[in-house]
């Protein structure tokens, strides 16, 4: 195996401070080192990297292009070290970390409200919630628990069905106040807000009513339901979204149902974990908690 290029943390701190102040003297004062010690650390780093990181112009220090590029990388490293170290400080000796992956809107609208009380009942389980758009990796320890919408099949994972959903077209009250739709087809007179994860939704919604619309695939496209909902609230068009995600807005009158027809989604919401983790106490405790919160 080739030798790694692994400068010490002290070396990286000396370089970062010197680059930030553009002064070895001020960097030394900040780090409680001598000016010559900082200069020596930077010189050794330049030798290791085979690039000059600084240049002097009229007695003033400037970063070279290579120095600017390296500074961006070093800032990432030092920031991550700081975050990781502070992360550990928050735990007691008995604390376990449970990493939970969820899609953004589901996490914000359903999961977070249903976590109330979990930490009080399980003080030794620290939740690390990650909002993800891409598929999660349960089998390589990237997450202990994952929530997803689909058919409940995931090789190597145990998938537990939570609830089904129905989608409903919603919009700002003023969007249809002037001309109430007389049929579902009338909705196509307005922009149909599209969600990237459900590209067929509007087409299926019209088709279920024996309607064909040339506009079912047209309209502004958003990565998440949350963005679709916000766009609908802003009067940008009509969004076809799961009813449970907009229950609050409908109750408060911020959104209205544009047409009464609702459509059951073909999939369901699931909670999943690796097959071998079923009896891991922290995983078991969390799954039981979530199952106890199902009211939909």
C-alpha atoms as a PDB file:
ATOM      1  CA  UNK A   1       0.000   0.000   0.000  1.00  0.00           C
ATOM      2  CA  UNK A   2       1.399   3.415  -0.938  1.00  0.00           C
ATOM      3  CA  UNK A   3       2.279   5.823   1.850  1.00  0.00           C
ATOM      4  CA  UNK A   4      -0.526   8.238   2.648  1.00  0.00           C
ATOM      5  CA  UNK A   5      -0.059  11.982   2.463  1.00  0.00           C
ATOM      6  CA  UNK A   6      -1.162  12.716   6.001  1.00  0.00           C
ATOM      7  CA  UNK A   7      -0.154  16.121   7.363  1.00  0.00           C
ATOM      8  CA  UNK A   8      -0.721  16.580  11.081  1.00  0.00           C
ATOM      9  CA  UNK A   9      -3.656  18.539  12.485  1.00  0.00           C
ATOM     10  CA  UNK A  10      -1.177  21.127  13.807  1.00  0.00           C
ATOM     11  CA  UNK A  11       0.234  21.596  10.308  1.00  0.00           C
ATOM     12  CA  UNK A  12      -3.228  22.079   8.844  1.00  0.00           C
ATOM     13  CA  UNK A  13      -4.138  24.562  11.593  1.00  0.00           C
ATOM     14  CA  UNK A  14      -0.965  26.548  10.929  1.00  0.00           C
ATOM     15  CA  UNK A  15      -1.702  26.685   7.217  1.00  0.00           C
ATOM     16  CA  UNK A  16      -5.370  27.621   7.742  1.00  0.00           C
ATOM     17  CA  UNK A  17      -4.587  30.394  10.226  1.00  0.00           C
ATOM     18  CA  UNK A  18      -1.804  31.799   8.040  1.00  0.00           C
ATOM     19  CA  UNK A  19      -4.093  31.704   4.994  1.00  0.00           C
ATOM     20  CA  UNK A  20      -6.915  33.398   6.886  1.00  0.00           C
ATOM     21  CA  UNK A  21      -4.735  36.178   8.296  1.00  0.00           C
ATOM     22  CA  UNK A  22      -2.287  36.239   5.380  1.00  0.00           C
ATOM     23  CA  UNK A  23       0.333  36.568   8.090  1.00  0.00           C
ATOM     24  CA  UNK A  24       2.573  34.020   9.806  1.00  0.00           C
ATOM     25  CA  UNK A  25       2.950  36.380  12.755  1.00  0.00           C
ATOM     26  CA  UNK A  26      -0.773  36.744  13.416  1.00  0.00           C
ATOM     27  CA  UNK A  27      -1.301  33.010  12.865  1.00  0.00           C
ATOM     28  CA  UNK A  28       1.404  32.309  15.461  1.00  0.00           C
ATOM     29  CA  UNK A  29      -0.245  34.653  17.956  1.00  0.00           C
ATOM     30  CA  UNK A  30      -3.599  32.934  17.505  1.00  0.00           C
ATOM     31  CA  UNK A  31      -2.133  29.441  17.877  1.00  0.00           C
ATOM     32  CA  UNK A  32       0.244  30.400  20.715  1.00  0.00           C
ATOM     33  CA  UNK A  33       3.265  29.359  18.678  1.00  0.00           C
ATOM     34  CA  UNK A  34       6.331  31.197  17.455  1.00  0.00           C
ATOM     35  CA  UNK A  35       6.370  32.765  14.034  1.00  0.00           C
ATOM     36  CA  UNK A  36       9.232  30.496  12.988  1.00  0.00           C
ATOM     37  CA  UNK A  37       7.275  27.395  14.091  1.00  0.00           C
ATOM     38  CA  UNK A  38       4.306  28.345  11.901  1.00  0.00           C
ATOM     39  CA  UNK A  39       6.577  29.160   8.983  1.00  0.00           C
ATOM     40  CA  UNK A  40       8.367  25.823   9.360  1.00  0.00           C
ATOM     41  CA  UNK A  41       5.081  23.878   9.442  1.00  0.00           C
ATOM     42  CA  UNK A  42       3.896  25.574   6.251  1.00  0.00           C
ATOM     43  CA  UNK A  43       7.254  24.981   4.534  1.00  0.00           C
ATOM     44  CA  UNK A  44       7.091  21.269   5.389  1.00  0.00           C
ATOM     45  CA  UNK A  45       3.528  21.134   4.064  1.00  0.00           C
ATOM     46  CA  UNK A  46       4.584  22.755   0.781  1.00  0.00           C
ATOM     47  CA  UNK A  47       7.397  20.240   0.463  1.00  0.00           C
ATOM     48  CA  UNK A  48       4.972  17.352   1.059  1.00  0.00           C
ATOM     49  CA  UNK A  49       2.510  18.678  -1.516  1.00  0.00           C
ATOM     50  CA  UNK A  50       5.168  19.697  -4.050  1.00  0.00           C
ATOM     51  CA  UNK A  51       3.441  23.055  -4.463  1.00  0.00           C
ATOM     52  CA  UNK A  52       3.978  26.558  -3.130  1.00  0.00           C
ATOM     53  CA  UNK A  53       0.933  27.553  -1.111  1.00  0.00           C
ATOM     54  CA  UNK A  54       2.005  31.150  -0.473  1.00  0.00           C
ATOM     55  CA  UNK A  55       3.983  33.787  -2.297  1.00  0.00           C
ATOM     56  CA  UNK A  56       5.336  37.104  -1.066  1.00  0.00           C
ATOM     57  CA  UNK A  57       4.586  40.215  -3.096  1.00  0.00           C
ATOM     58  CA  UNK A  58       6.092  43.444  -1.767  1.00  0.00           C
ATOM     59  CA  UNK A  59       6.490  41.908   1.683  1.00  0.00           C
ATOM     60  CA  UNK A  60       2.856  40.856   1.778  1.00  0.00           C
ATOM     61  CA  UNK A  61       1.685  37.245   1.899  1.00  0.00           C
ATOM     62  CA  UNK A  62      -0.665  35.954  -0.810  1.00  0.00           C
ATOM     63  CA  UNK A  63      -2.162  32.556  -1.492  1.00  0.00           C
ATOM     64  CA  UNK A  64      -1.154  30.879  -4.726  1.00  0.00           C
ATOM     65  CA  UNK A  65      -3.901  29.233  -6.830  1.00  0.00           C
ATOM     66  CA  UNK A  66      -2.848  25.891  -5.328  1.00  0.00           C
ATOM     67  CA  UNK A  67      -3.005  27.450  -1.861  1.00  0.00           C
ATOM     68  CA  UNK A  68      -6.555  28.707  -2.416  1.00  0.00           C
ATOM     69  CA  UNK A  69      -7.673  25.300  -3.637  1.00  0.00           C
ATOM     70  CA  UNK A  70      -6.025  23.535  -0.692  1.00  0.00           C
ATOM     71  CA  UNK A  71      -7.488  25.994   1.802  1.00  0.00           C
ATOM     72  CA  UNK A  72     -11.030  25.031   0.768  1.00  0.00           C
ATOM     73  CA  UNK A  73     -10.231  21.365   1.396  1.00  0.00           C
ATOM     74  CA  UNK A  74      -8.493  22.027   4.700  1.00  0.00           C
ATOM     75  CA  UNK A  75     -11.463  24.065   5.942  1.00  0.00           C
ATOM     76  CA  UNK A  76     -13.727  21.049   5.284  1.00  0.00           C
ATOM     77  CA  UNK A  77     -11.381  18.760   7.229  1.00  0.00           C
ATOM     78  CA  UNK A  78     -11.014  21.056  10.236  1.00  0.00           C
ATOM     79  CA  UNK A  79     -14.736  21.795  10.327  1.00  0.00           C
ATOM     80  CA  UNK A  80     -15.570  18.088  10.291  1.00  0.00           C
ATOM     81  CA  UNK A  81     -13.065  17.413  13.069  1.00  0.00           C
ATOM     82  CA  UNK A  82     -14.654  20.150  15.162  1.00  0.00           C
ATOM     83  CA  UNK A  83     -18.178  18.855  14.515  1.00  0.00           C
ATOM     84  CA  UNK A  84     -17.206  15.260  15.285  1.00  0.00           C
ATOM     85  CA  UNK A  85     -15.454  16.229  18.515  1.00  0.00           C
ATOM     86  CA  UNK A  86     -18.382  18.336  19.728  1.00  0.00           C
ATOM     87  CA  UNK A  87     -20.706  15.489  18.700  1.00  0.00           C
ATOM     88  CA  UNK A  88     -18.983  13.084  21.111  1.00  0.00           C
ATOM     89  CA  UNK A  89     -19.105  15.643  23.929  1.00  0.00           C
ATOM     90  CA  UNK A  90     -22.907  15.450  23.903  1.00  0.00           C
ATOM     91  CA  UNK A  91     -23.012  11.777  24.882  1.00  0.00           C
ATOM     92  CA  UNK A  92     -22.734   9.976  28.163  1.00  0.00           C
ATOM     93  CA  UNK A  93     -21.078   6.602  28.478  1.00  0.00           C
ATOM     94  CA  UNK A  94     -24.328   4.677  27.969  1.00  0.00           C
ATOM     95  CA  UNK A  95     -25.640   6.704  25.021  1.00  0.00           C
ATOM     96  CA  UNK A  96     -26.281   4.943  21.725  1.00  0.00           C
ATOM     97  CA  UNK A  97     -26.689   6.745  18.411  1.00  0.00           C
ATOM     98  CA  UNK A  98     -29.561   5.684  16.162  1.00  0.00           C
ATOM     99  CA  UNK A  99     -29.219   6.993  12.622  1.00  0.00           C
ATOM    100  CA  UNK A 100     -32.576   7.483  10.913  1.00  0.00           C
ATOM    101  CA  UNK A 101     -32.919   8.286   7.210  1.00  0.00           C
ATOM    102  CA  UNK A 102     -36.110   9.831   5.880  1.00  0.00           C
ATOM    103  CA  UNK A 103     -37.379  11.644   2.827  1.00  0.00           C
ATOM    104  CA  UNK A 104     -37.535  15.415   3.477  1.00  0.00           C
ATOM    105  CA  UNK A 105     -41.269  16.139   3.491  1.00  0.00           C
ATOM    106  CA  UNK A 106     -42.233  12.939   5.295  1.00  0.00           C
ATOM    107  CA  UNK A 107     -39.586  13.698   7.898  1.00  0.00           C
ATOM    108  CA  UNK A 108     -40.727  17.273   8.486  1.00  0.00           C
ATOM    109  CA  UNK A 109     -44.483  16.700   8.308  1.00  0.00           C
ATOM    110  CA  UNK A 110     -44.982  13.259   9.869  1.00  0.00           C
ATOM    111  CA  UNK A 111     -41.846  11.886  11.506  1.00  0.00           C
ATOM    112  CA  UNK A 112     -40.692  14.887  13.556  1.00  0.00           C
ATOM    113  CA  UNK A 113     -44.091  15.538  15.200  1.00  0.00           C
ATOM    114  CA  UNK A 114     -44.277  11.847  16.115  1.00  0.00           C
ATOM    115  CA  UNK A 115     -40.886  11.873  17.841  1.00  0.00           C
ATOM    116  CA  UNK A 116     -42.238  13.966  20.715  1.00  0.00           C
ATOM    117  CA  UNK A 117     -41.609  12.080  23.943  1.00  0.00           C
ATOM    118  CA  UNK A 118     -39.214   9.485  22.507  1.00  0.00           C
ATOM    119  CA  UNK A 119     -36.077  10.991  24.066  1.00  0.00           C
ATOM    120  CA  UNK A 120     -37.768  11.260  27.440  1.00  0.00           C
ATOM    121  CA  UNK A 121     -38.748   7.591  27.346  1.00  0.00           C
ATOM    122  CA  UNK A 122     -35.405   6.475  25.884  1.00  0.00           C
ATOM    123  CA  UNK A 123     -32.797   8.929  27.246  1.00  0.00           C
ATOM    124  CA  UNK A 124     -29.887   6.685  26.244  1.00  0.00           C
ATOM    125  CA  UNK A 125     -30.806   6.687  22.545  1.00  0.00           C
ATOM    126  CA  UNK A 126     -29.598   9.736  20.653  1.00  0.00           C
ATOM    127  CA  UNK A 127     -31.422  10.214  17.340  1.00  0.00           C
ATOM    128  CA  UNK A 128     -29.427  11.333  14.312  1.00  0.00           C
ATOM    129  CA  UNK A 129     -32.045  12.237  11.685  1.00  0.00           C
ATOM    130  CA  UNK A 130     -30.865  12.519   8.094  1.00  0.00           C
ATOM    131  CA  UNK A 131     -33.021  13.960   5.341  1.00  0.00           C
ATOM    132  CA  UNK A 132     -32.264  12.146   2.096  1.00  0.00           C
ATOM    133  CA  UNK A 133     -33.595  12.263  -1.444  1.00  0.00           C
ATOM    134  CA  UNK A 134     -31.389   9.453  -2.736  1.00  0.00           C
ATOM    135  CA  UNK A 135     -31.836   5.753  -1.806  1.00  0.00           C
ATOM    136  CA  UNK A 136     -30.587   4.943   1.691  1.00  0.00           C
ATOM    137  CA  UNK A 137     -27.923   2.344   2.512  1.00  0.00           C
ATOM    138  CA  UNK A 138     -29.090   0.144   5.375  1.00  0.00           C
ATOM    139  CA  UNK A 139     -26.773  -2.755   4.674  1.00  0.00           C
ATOM    140  CA  UNK A 140     -23.488  -0.832   4.861  1.00  0.00           C
ATOM    141  CA  UNK A 141     -24.248   0.886   8.165  1.00  0.00           C
ATOM    142  CA  UNK A 142     -25.089   4.260   6.625  1.00  0.00           C
ATOM    143  CA  UNK A 143     -28.404   4.207   8.509  1.00  0.00           C
ATOM    144  CA  UNK A 144     -29.962   2.036  11.215  1.00  0.00           C
ATOM    145  CA  UNK A 145     -33.533   2.879  10.225  1.00  0.00           C
ATOM    146  CA  UNK A 146     -35.019   4.158   6.980  1.00  0.00           C
ATOM    147  CA  UNK A 147     -38.481   5.394   6.096  1.00  0.00           C
ATOM    148  CA  UNK A 148     -39.549   5.036   2.488  1.00  0.00           C
ATOM    149  CA  UNK A 149     -42.574   4.985   0.220  1.00  0.00           C
ATOM    150  CA  UNK A 150     -43.054   2.073  -2.154  1.00  0.00           C
ATOM    151  CA  UNK A 151     -43.991  -1.580  -2.376  1.00  0.00           C
ATOM    152  CA  UNK A 152     -42.138  -2.782   0.713  1.00  0.00           C
ATOM    153  CA  UNK A 153     -39.435  -4.810  -1.013  1.00  0.00           C
ATOM    154  CA  UNK A 154     -35.804  -4.213  -0.076  1.00  0.00           C
ATOM    155  CA  UNK A 155     -33.233  -7.010  -0.374  1.00  0.00           C
ATOM    156  CA  UNK A 156     -31.582  -7.749   2.948  1.00  0.00           C
ATOM    157  CA  UNK A 157     -33.968  -5.523   4.900  1.00  0.00           C
ATOM    158  CA  UNK A 158     -37.061  -6.036   7.027  1.00  0.00           C
ATOM    159  CA  UNK A 159     -39.813  -3.681   5.831  1.00  0.00           C
ATOM    160  CA  UNK A 160     -42.774  -2.946   8.101  1.00  0.00           C
ATOM    161  CA  UNK A 161     -45.829  -1.276   6.589  1.00  0.00           C
ATOM    162  CA  UNK A 162     -46.983   1.845   8.418  1.00  0.00           C
ATOM    163  CA  UNK A 163     -49.879   3.327   6.451  1.00  0.00           C
ATOM    164  CA  UNK A 164     -51.332   3.950   3.002  1.00  0.00           C
ATOM    165  CA  UNK A 165     -52.145   7.383   1.665  1.00  0.00           C
ATOM    166  CA  UNK A 166     -54.438   9.161  -0.754  1.00  0.00           C
ATOM    167  CA  UNK A 167     -53.527  12.142  -2.880  1.00  0.00           C
ATOM    168  CA  UNK A 168     -55.719  15.180  -3.374  1.00  0.00           C
ATOM    169  CA  UNK A 169     -55.404  18.295  -5.578  1.00  0.00           C
ATOM    170  CA  UNK A 170     -54.925  21.442  -3.494  1.00  0.00           C
ATOM    171  CA  UNK A 171     -54.349  25.105  -4.230  1.00  0.00           C
ATOM    172  CA  UNK A 172     -54.557  28.589  -2.746  1.00  0.00           C
ATOM    173  CA  UNK A 173     -58.210  29.561  -2.145  1.00  0.00           C
ATOM    174  CA  UNK A 174     -57.984  32.584  -4.443  1.00  0.00           C
ATOM    175  CA  UNK A 175     -56.754  30.515  -7.386  1.00  0.00           C
ATOM    176  CA  UNK A 176     -60.176  29.005  -8.069  1.00  0.00           C
ATOM    177  CA  UNK A 177     -62.389  31.478  -6.205  1.00  0.00           C
ATOM    178  CA  UNK A 178     -63.187  33.523  -9.317  1.00  0.00           C
ATOM    179  CA  UNK A 179     -64.102  30.523 -11.474  1.00  0.00           C
ATOM    180  CA  UNK A 180     -64.971  27.341  -9.611  1.00  0.00           C
ATOM    181  CA  UNK A 181     -64.118  24.234 -11.662  1.00  0.00           C
ATOM    182  CA  UNK A 182     -67.157  22.482 -13.130  1.00  0.00           C
ATOM    183  CA  UNK A 183     -65.202  19.321 -13.879  1.00  0.00           C
ATOM    184  CA  UNK A 184     -61.830  17.796 -13.160  1.00  0.00           C
ATOM    185  CA  UNK A 185     -60.733  18.841 -16.650  1.00  0.00           C
ATOM    186  CA  UNK A 186     -61.061  22.491 -15.636  1.00  0.00           C
ATOM    187  CA  UNK A 187     -58.094  22.077 -13.313  1.00  0.00           C
ATOM    188  CA  UNK A 188     -55.801  21.848 -16.330  1.00  0.00           C
ATOM    189  CA  UNK A 189     -56.506  25.542 -17.005  1.00  0.00           C
ATOM    190  CA  UNK A 190     -54.107  26.197 -14.131  1.00  0.00           C
ATOM    191  CA  UNK A 191     -50.460  25.137 -13.835  1.00  0.00           C
ATOM    192  CA  UNK A 192     -50.263  21.563 -12.556  1.00  0.00           C
ATOM    193  CA  UNK A 193     -47.412  21.412 -10.061  1.00  0.00           C
ATOM    194  CA  UNK A 194     -45.308  18.285 -10.554  1.00  0.00           C
ATOM    195  CA  UNK A 195     -43.315  16.324  -7.955  1.00  0.00           C
ATOM    196  CA  UNK A 196     -40.198  14.636  -9.331  1.00  0.00           C
ATOM    197  CA  UNK A 197     -40.714  11.488  -7.259  1.00  0.00           C
ATOM    198  CA  UNK A 198     -44.268  10.982  -8.608  1.00  0.00           C
ATOM    199  CA  UNK A 199     -44.023  11.863 -12.335  1.00  0.00           C
ATOM    200  CA  UNK A 200     -47.158   9.860 -13.262  1.00  0.00           C
ATOM    201  CA  UNK A 201     -49.391  11.250 -10.507  1.00  0.00           C
ATOM    202  CA  UNK A 202     -51.435  13.778 -12.480  1.00  0.00           C
ATOM    203  CA  UNK A 203     -51.763  11.444 -15.489  1.00  0.00           C
ATOM    204  CA  UNK A 204     -53.096   8.654 -13.244  1.00  0.00           C
ATOM    205  CA  UNK A 205     -55.402  11.049 -11.408  1.00  0.00           C
ATOM    206  CA  UNK A 206     -57.075  12.128 -14.657  1.00  0.00           C
ATOM    207  CA  UNK A 207     -57.082   8.574 -16.045  1.00  0.00           C
ATOM    208  CA  UNK A 208     -58.854   7.253 -12.946  1.00  0.00           C
ATOM    209  CA  UNK A 209     -61.747   9.562 -13.864  1.00  0.00           C
ATOM    210  CA  UNK A 210     -61.714   8.367 -17.492  1.00  0.00           C
ATOM    211  CA  UNK A 211     -60.174  11.655 -18.582  1.00  0.00           C
ATOM    212  CA  UNK A 212     -57.245  12.396 -20.837  1.00  0.00           C
ATOM    213  CA  UNK A 213     -55.389  15.663 -20.353  1.00  0.00           C
ATOM    214  CA  UNK A 214     -52.696  16.970 -22.642  1.00  0.00           C
ATOM    215  CA  UNK A 215     -51.306  18.914 -19.699  1.00  0.00           C
ATOM    216  CA  UNK A 216     -50.966  16.118 -17.119  1.00  0.00           C
ATOM    217  CA  UNK A 217     -47.169  16.060 -17.480  1.00  0.00           C
ATOM    218  CA  UNK A 218     -46.771  19.819 -17.894  1.00  0.00           C
ATOM    219  CA  UNK A 219     -46.044  22.326 -15.170  1.00  0.00           C
ATOM    220  CA  UNK A 220     -43.309  23.443 -12.790  1.00  0.00           C
ATOM    221  CA  UNK A 221     -41.411  20.462 -11.343  1.00  0.00           C
ATOM    222  CA  UNK A 222     -40.179  20.233  -7.747  1.00  0.00           C
ATOM    223  CA  UNK A 223     -37.872  17.792  -5.972  1.00  0.00           C
ATOM    224  CA  UNK A 224     -40.068  17.387  -2.902  1.00  0.00           C
ATOM    225  CA  UNK A 225     -43.703  17.513  -1.858  1.00  0.00           C
ATOM    226  CA  UNK A 226     -42.749  20.277   0.559  1.00  0.00           C
ATOM    227  CA  UNK A 227     -41.783  22.531  -2.348  1.00  0.00           C
ATOM    228  CA  UNK A 228     -44.986  21.601  -4.195  1.00  0.00           C
ATOM    229  CA  UNK A 229     -47.031  22.510  -1.136  1.00  0.00           C
ATOM    230  CA  UNK A 230     -45.241  25.836  -0.715  1.00  0.00           C
ATOM    231  CA  UNK A 231     -45.739  26.602  -4.407  1.00  0.00           C
ATOM    232  CA  UNK A 232     -49.454  25.859  -4.081  1.00  0.00           C
ATOM    233  CA  UNK A 233     -49.670  28.147  -1.038  1.00  0.00           C
ATOM    234  CA  UNK A 234     -48.003  30.880  -3.059  1.00  0.00           C
ATOM    235  CA  UNK A 235     -50.686  30.575  -5.751  1.00  0.00           C
ATOM    236  CA  UNK A 236     -48.346  29.077  -8.362  1.00  0.00           C
ATOM    237  CA  UNK A 237     -50.758  26.331  -9.367  1.00  0.00           C
ATOM    238  CA  UNK A 238     -52.439  23.147  -8.180  1.00  0.00           C
ATOM    239  CA  UNK A 239     -50.469  20.458  -6.365  1.00  0.00           C
ATOM    240  CA  UNK A 240     -51.439  16.789  -6.183  1.00  0.00           C
ATOM    241  CA  UNK A 241     -50.148  15.712  -2.783  1.00  0.00           C
ATOM    242  CA  UNK A 242     -50.907  13.180  -0.016  1.00  0.00           C
ATOM    243  CA  UNK A 243     -53.731  14.509   2.133  1.00  0.00           C
ATOM    244  CA  UNK A 244     -51.919  13.862   5.424  1.00  0.00           C
ATOM    245  CA  UNK A 245     -49.119  16.217   4.368  1.00  0.00           C
ATOM    246  CA  UNK A 246     -51.501  19.171   4.004  1.00  0.00           C
ATOM    247  CA  UNK A 247     -53.987  18.402   6.790  1.00  0.00           C
ATOM    248  CA  UNK A 248     -52.824  21.466   8.736  1.00  0.00           C
ATOM    249  CA  UNK A 249     -53.062  23.843   5.768  1.00  0.00           C
ATOM    250  CA  UNK A 250     -56.525  22.544   4.842  1.00  0.00           C
ATOM    251  CA  UNK A 251     -57.781  22.937   8.410  1.00  0.00           C
ATOM    252  CA  UNK A 252     -56.450  26.501   8.589  1.00  0.00           C
ATOM    253  CA  UNK A 253     -57.828  27.475   5.173  1.00  0.00           C
ATOM    254  CA  UNK A 254     -54.394  28.181   3.701  1.00  0.00           C
ATOM    255  CA  UNK A 255     -55.134  25.588   1.029  1.00  0.00           C
ATOM    256  CA  UNK A 256     -58.387  24.210  -0.362  1.00  0.00           C
ATOM    257  CA  UNK A 257     -59.241  21.017  -2.212  1.00  0.00           C
ATOM    258  CA  UNK A 258     -59.566  22.041  -5.854  1.00  0.00           C
ATOM    259  CA  UNK A 259     -61.644  19.002  -6.866  1.00  0.00           C
ATOM    260  CA  UNK A 260     -63.178  16.398  -4.577  1.00  0.00           C
ATOM    261  CA  UNK A 261     -61.782  13.290  -6.278  1.00  0.00           C
ATOM    262  CA  UNK A 262     -59.057  11.620  -4.219  1.00  0.00           C
ATOM    263  CA  UNK A 263     -56.796   8.834  -5.452  1.00  0.00           C
ATOM    264  CA  UNK A 264     -55.239   6.100  -3.311  1.00  0.00           C
ATOM    265  CA  UNK A 265     -51.513   5.849  -3.964  1.00  0.00           C
ATOM    266  CA  UNK A 266     -50.281   2.515  -5.257  1.00  0.00           C
ATOM    267  CA  UNK A 267     -47.617   2.165  -2.567  1.00  0.00           C
ATOM    268  CA  UNK A 268     -47.458   2.589   1.189  1.00  0.00           C
ATOM    269  CA  UNK A 269     -45.125   4.085   3.761  1.00  0.00           C
ATOM    270  CA  UNK A 270     -42.692   1.669   5.390  1.00  0.00           C
ATOM    271  CA  UNK A 271     -40.097   1.645   8.117  1.00  0.00           C
ATOM    272  CA  UNK A 272     -37.111  -0.588   7.382  1.00  0.00           C
ATOM    273  CA  UNK A 273     -33.988  -1.911   9.041  1.00  0.00           C
ATOM    274  CA  UNK A 274     -31.367  -4.523   8.164  1.00  0.00           C
ATOM    275  CA  UNK A 275     -32.627  -8.077   8.731  1.00  0.00           C
ATOM    276  CA  UNK A 276     -29.894  -8.837  11.248  1.00  0.00           C
ATOM    277  CA  UNK A 277     -30.791  -5.756  13.342  1.00  0.00           C
ATOM    278  CA  UNK A 278     -34.305  -6.797  14.353  1.00  0.00           C
ATOM    279  CA  UNK A 279     -33.345  -7.543  17.955  1.00  0.00           C
ATOM    280  CA  UNK A 280     -30.886  -4.684  18.429  1.00  0.00           C
ATOM    281  CA  UNK A 281     -32.392  -2.845  21.431  1.00  0.00           C
ATOM    282  CA  UNK A 282     -32.192   0.672  19.994  1.00  0.00           C
ATOM    283  CA  UNK A 283     -33.723  -0.436  16.676  1.00  0.00           C
ATOM    284  CA  UNK A 284     -36.448  -2.467  18.370  1.00  0.00           C
ATOM    285  CA  UNK A 285     -37.323   0.418  20.701  1.00  0.00           C
ATOM    286  CA  UNK A 286     -37.631   2.895  17.831  1.00  0.00           C
ATOM    287  CA  UNK A 287     -39.732   0.599  15.633  1.00  0.00           C
ATOM    288  CA  UNK A 288     -42.123  -0.082  18.510  1.00  0.00           C
ATOM    289  CA  UNK A 289     -42.395   3.656  19.202  1.00  0.00           C
ATOM    290  CA  UNK A 290     -43.242   4.455  15.579  1.00  0.00           C
ATOM    291  CA  UNK A 291     -45.790   1.640  15.349  1.00  0.00           C
ATOM    292  CA  UNK A 292     -47.452   3.074  18.432  1.00  0.00           C
ATOM    293  CA  UNK A 293     -47.875   6.457  16.704  1.00  0.00           C
ATOM    294  CA  UNK A 294     -49.829   5.168  13.692  1.00  0.00           C
ATOM    295  CA  UNK A 295     -53.261   6.791  13.604  1.00  0.00           C
ATOM    296  CA  UNK A 296     -53.752   7.289   9.849  1.00  0.00           C
END
